[in-house]
Amino acid sequence: MKLADKLAETSNRPPSTKRRILAKVLPVFVYTLFFPALLFIIPKLYLDRWLQLPTFLTPDVRGLLGGSLFTIGLIFIVWSIRAQRELGKGTPMPLMATQNLVVQKPYLYCRNPIFFGVINLFFGISILFNSISSLVMVLIFSVIILLYTKLIEEKELETRFGDEYLTYKNRTPFFIPIPKISRRKK
């Protein structure tokens, strides 16, 4: 059985109490402890010094660019999770996956607004940390997460939602949000 099929099977099962707790605790651990240590703390404290990497931006540019990416990322993450909870009746975690396909905002603009948010947030933090090795780590993380999304998660969604997902996939960009401009009929 392929990984996408196993995820679809897990996503379709009603979540037990244990899975509900895990679906809420695991992301907190991963996104507040594991990824920050791997992507920011270790690179800034050890890799930059060991490789003798220079700083690359002035504090003003770093604050503006890093702060902007951080803010955009945070907005998309919160907005996406809220849409999955309220409209999809679930979470981003397969342990307690959405029961409905969410195609409304922000998923109206791209199929992966949560990863768009995470990647922007992580690049913003790397810039704020002024760490070249952290930027490289975030770039590697971004490629891995986008490959996972394209090769596994999209297959899982096709299995779970069928033609509804395929129609949505054909009309909605993969990663970069593009606002839908409504045209008025004359």
Protein backbone atom coordinates (compact mmCIF):
# COMPACT_ATOMS: atom_id res chain seq x y z
CA MET A 1 0.00 0.00 0.00
CA LYS A 2 1.37 3.43 -0.95
CA LEU A 3 1.96 6.12 1.65
CA ALA A 4 -0.76 8.33 0.11
CA ASP A 5 -3.26 5.47 0.42
CA LYS A 6 -2.29 4.87 4.06
CA LEU A 7 -2.72 8.58 4.80
CA ALA A 8 -6.13 8.57 3.10
CA GLU A 9 -7.17 5.56 5.15
CA THR A 10 -5.99 7.22 8.38
CA SER A 11 -7.69 10.49 7.43
CA ASN A 12 -11.03 8.77 6.78
CA ARG A 13 -11.15 7.02 10.16
CA PRO A 14 -13.02 8.82 12.95
CA PRO A 15 -10.37 10.19 15.32
CA SER A 16 -10.02 8.49 18.69
CA THR A 17 -9.28 10.50 21.82
CA LYS A 18 -5.62 9.49 21.53
CA ARG A 19 -5.46 10.67 17.89
CA ARG A 20 -7.17 13.95 18.78
CA ILE A 21 -4.61 14.66 21.50
CA LEU A 22 -1.72 13.66 19.24
CA ALA A 23 -3.08 15.82 16.39
CA LYS A 24 -3.04 18.83 18.70
CA VAL A 25 0.20 18.18 20.62
CA LEU A 26 2.45 16.92 17.82
CA PRO A 27 2.31 20.10 15.66
CA VAL A 28 3.05 22.26 18.71
CA PHE A 29 6.17 20.19 19.45
CA VAL A 30 7.28 20.04 15.81
CA TYR A 31 6.70 23.71 14.94
CA THR A 32 7.77 25.33 18.22
CA LEU A 33 10.68 23.10 19.27
CA PHE A 34 11.96 20.73 16.58
CA PHE A 35 11.92 22.96 13.47
CA PRO A 36 13.13 26.09 15.27
CA ALA A 37 16.10 24.16 16.71
CA LEU A 38 16.89 22.53 13.37
CA LEU A 39 16.32 25.54 11.13
CA PHE A 40 17.33 28.53 13.25
CA ILE A 41 19.12 27.86 16.54
CA ILE A 42 21.67 25.26 15.41
CA PRO A 43 22.51 27.12 12.17
CA LYS A 44 22.82 30.51 13.88
CA LEU A 45 24.77 29.35 16.94
CA TYR A 46 26.96 26.70 15.33
CA LEU A 47 27.00 26.55 11.52
CA ASP A 48 27.43 30.27 10.86
CA ARG A 49 30.33 30.42 13.32
CA TRP A 50 31.93 27.17 12.21
CA LEU A 51 31.71 28.15 8.52
CA GLN A 52 32.60 31.77 9.38
CA LEU A 53 29.66 33.08 7.40
CA PRO A 54 29.20 36.84 7.26
CA THR A 55 26.07 38.77 8.09
CA PHE A 56 24.25 39.80 4.96
CA LEU A 57 21.71 42.54 5.65
CA THR A 58 21.54 45.78 7.56
CA PRO A 59 19.30 45.76 10.64
CA ASP A 60 16.71 47.98 8.90
CA VAL A 61 16.46 45.81 5.78
CA ARG A 62 16.50 42.66 7.91
CA GLY A 63 13.69 43.99 10.08
CA LEU A 64 11.55 45.11 7.15
CA LEU A 65 12.05 42.07 4.93
CA GLY A 66 12.17 39.45 7.69
CA GLY A 67 9.31 41.06 9.59
CA SER A 68 7.15 41.25 6.45
CA LEU A 69 7.73 37.60 5.53
CA PHE A 70 7.13 36.55 9.14
CA THR A 71 3.84 38.47 9.27
CA ILE A 72 2.59 37.20 5.89
CA GLY A 73 3.48 33.66 6.94
CA LEU A 74 1.73 33.92 10.29
CA ILE A 75 -1.42 35.35 8.69
CA PHE A 76 -1.59 32.50 6.16
CA ILE A 77 -0.93 29.81 8.78
CA VAL A 78 -3.63 31.04 11.16
CA TRP A 79 -6.10 31.69 8.32
CA SER A 80 -5.49 28.20 6.82
CA ILE A 81 -5.81 26.33 10.11
CA ARG A 82 -8.98 28.24 10.95
CA ALA A 83 -10.49 27.42 7.55
CA GLN A 84 -9.61 23.74 7.97
CA ARG A 85 -11.15 23.67 11.44
CA GLU A 86 -14.33 25.62 10.65
CA LEU A 87 -15.04 24.66 7.03
CA GLY A 88 -13.21 21.35 6.74
CA LYS A 89 -14.18 20.09 10.20
CA GLY A 90 -10.64 18.90 10.94
CA THR A 91 -6.98 19.86 11.16
CA PRO A 92 -3.95 19.82 8.84
CA MET A 93 -2.86 16.57 10.54
CA PRO A 94 -3.92 13.24 8.93
CA LEU A 95 -4.64 12.02 12.48
CA MET A 96 -7.62 14.39 12.53
CA ALA A 97 -7.90 15.40 8.88
CA THR A 98 -10.56 17.62 7.41
CA GLN A 99 -13.78 15.83 6.53
CA ASN A 100 -14.70 18.35 3.83
CA LEU A 101 -12.54 19.67 1.01
CA VAL A 102 -11.85 23.33 1.75
CA VAL A 103 -11.91 25.44 -1.41
CA GLN A 104 -12.83 28.78 0.16
CA LYS A 105 -10.37 31.51 1.17
CA PRO A 106 -7.40 31.14 1.61
CA TYR A 107 -7.61 27.83 -0.30
CA LEU A 108 -9.34 29.73 -3.09
CA TYR A 109 -6.01 31.45 -3.86
CA CYS A 110 -3.70 28.41 -3.78
CA ARG A 111 -3.94 24.76 -2.83
CA ASN A 112 -1.29 25.00 -0.11
CA PRO A 113 -1.70 28.26 1.79
CA ILE A 114 -0.56 26.69 5.06
CA PHE A 115 2.80 25.69 3.56
CA PHE A 116 3.01 29.05 1.81
CA GLY A 117 2.63 30.55 5.29
CA VAL A 118 5.09 28.20 6.99
CA ILE A 119 7.76 28.75 4.35
CA ASN A 120 7.35 32.54 4.46
CA LEU A 121 7.41 32.50 8.26
CA PHE A 122 10.58 30.38 8.32
CA PHE A 123 12.36 32.54 5.71
CA GLY A 124 11.33 35.60 7.71
CA ILE A 125 12.82 34.17 10.90
CA SER A 126 16.05 33.24 9.07
CA ILE A 127 16.36 36.78 7.77
CA LEU A 128 15.63 38.24 11.20
CA PHE A 129 18.33 35.93 12.63
CA ASN A 130 20.67 37.18 9.86
CA SER A 131 21.84 33.61 9.26
CA ILE A 132 22.96 32.38 5.86
CA SER A 133 23.10 28.75 7.01
CA SER A 134 19.56 29.08 8.37
CA LEU A 135 18.37 30.39 4.99
CA VAL A 136 19.96 27.36 3.30
CA MET A 137 18.32 25.00 5.82
CA VAL A 138 14.92 26.65 5.24
CA LEU A 139 15.42 26.36 1.48
CA ILE A 140 16.15 22.62 1.82
CA PHE A 141 13.13 22.23 4.16
CA SER A 142 10.95 24.09 1.62
CA VAL A 143 11.96 21.83 -1.25
CA ILE A 144 11.27 18.72 0.87
CA ILE A 145 7.87 19.95 2.06
CA LEU A 146 6.80 20.96 -1.46
CA LEU A 147 7.93 17.61 -2.91
CA TYR A 148 6.03 15.78 -0.15
CA THR A 149 2.94 17.88 -0.90
CA LYS A 150 3.13 17.32 -4.65
CA LEU A 151 4.01 13.62 -4.58
CA ILE A 152 2.14 12.30 -1.53
CA GLU A 153 -0.41 14.72 -0.10
CA GLU A 154 -2.03 15.51 -3.45
CA LYS A 155 -2.44 11.78 -4.14
CA GLU A 156 -4.01 11.33 -0.70
CA LEU A 157 -6.48 14.16 -1.41
CA GLU A 158 -7.34 12.65 -4.80
CA THR A 159 -8.08 9.35 -3.06
CA ARG A 160 -10.23 11.00 -0.38
CA PHE A 161 -12.12 13.60 -2.42
CA GLY A 162 -11.95 12.25 -6.01
CA ASP A 163 -13.31 14.43 -8.80
CA GLU A 164 -14.08 17.29 -6.41
CA TYR A 165 -10.36 17.59 -5.62
CA LEU A 166 -9.30 17.13 -9.25
CA THR A 167 -11.59 19.97 -10.35
CA TYR A 168 -10.23 22.18 -7.54
CA LYS A 169 -6.64 21.19 -8.42
CA ASN A 170 -7.13 22.12 -12.09
CA ARG A 171 -8.41 25.61 -11.33
CA THR A 172 -6.22 26.58 -8.34
CA PRO A 173 -2.47 27.30 -8.31
CA PHE A 174 -0.26 24.90 -6.37
CA PHE A 175 1.70 27.17 -4.04
CA ILE A 176 1.81 30.88 -4.91
CA PRO A 177 -1.49 32.58 -3.98
CA ILE A 178 -3.18 34.32 -6.88
CA PRO A 179 -6.20 36.44 -5.93
CA LYS A 180 -9.33 35.60 -7.90
CA ILE A 181 -10.64 38.70 -9.60
CA SER A 182 -14.36 38.49 -10.11
CA ARG A 183 -15.66 39.88 -13.33
CA ARG A 184 -19.00 41.58 -13.45
CA LYS A 185 -21.31 40.61 -16.25
CA LYS A 186 -22.39 43.49 -18.42
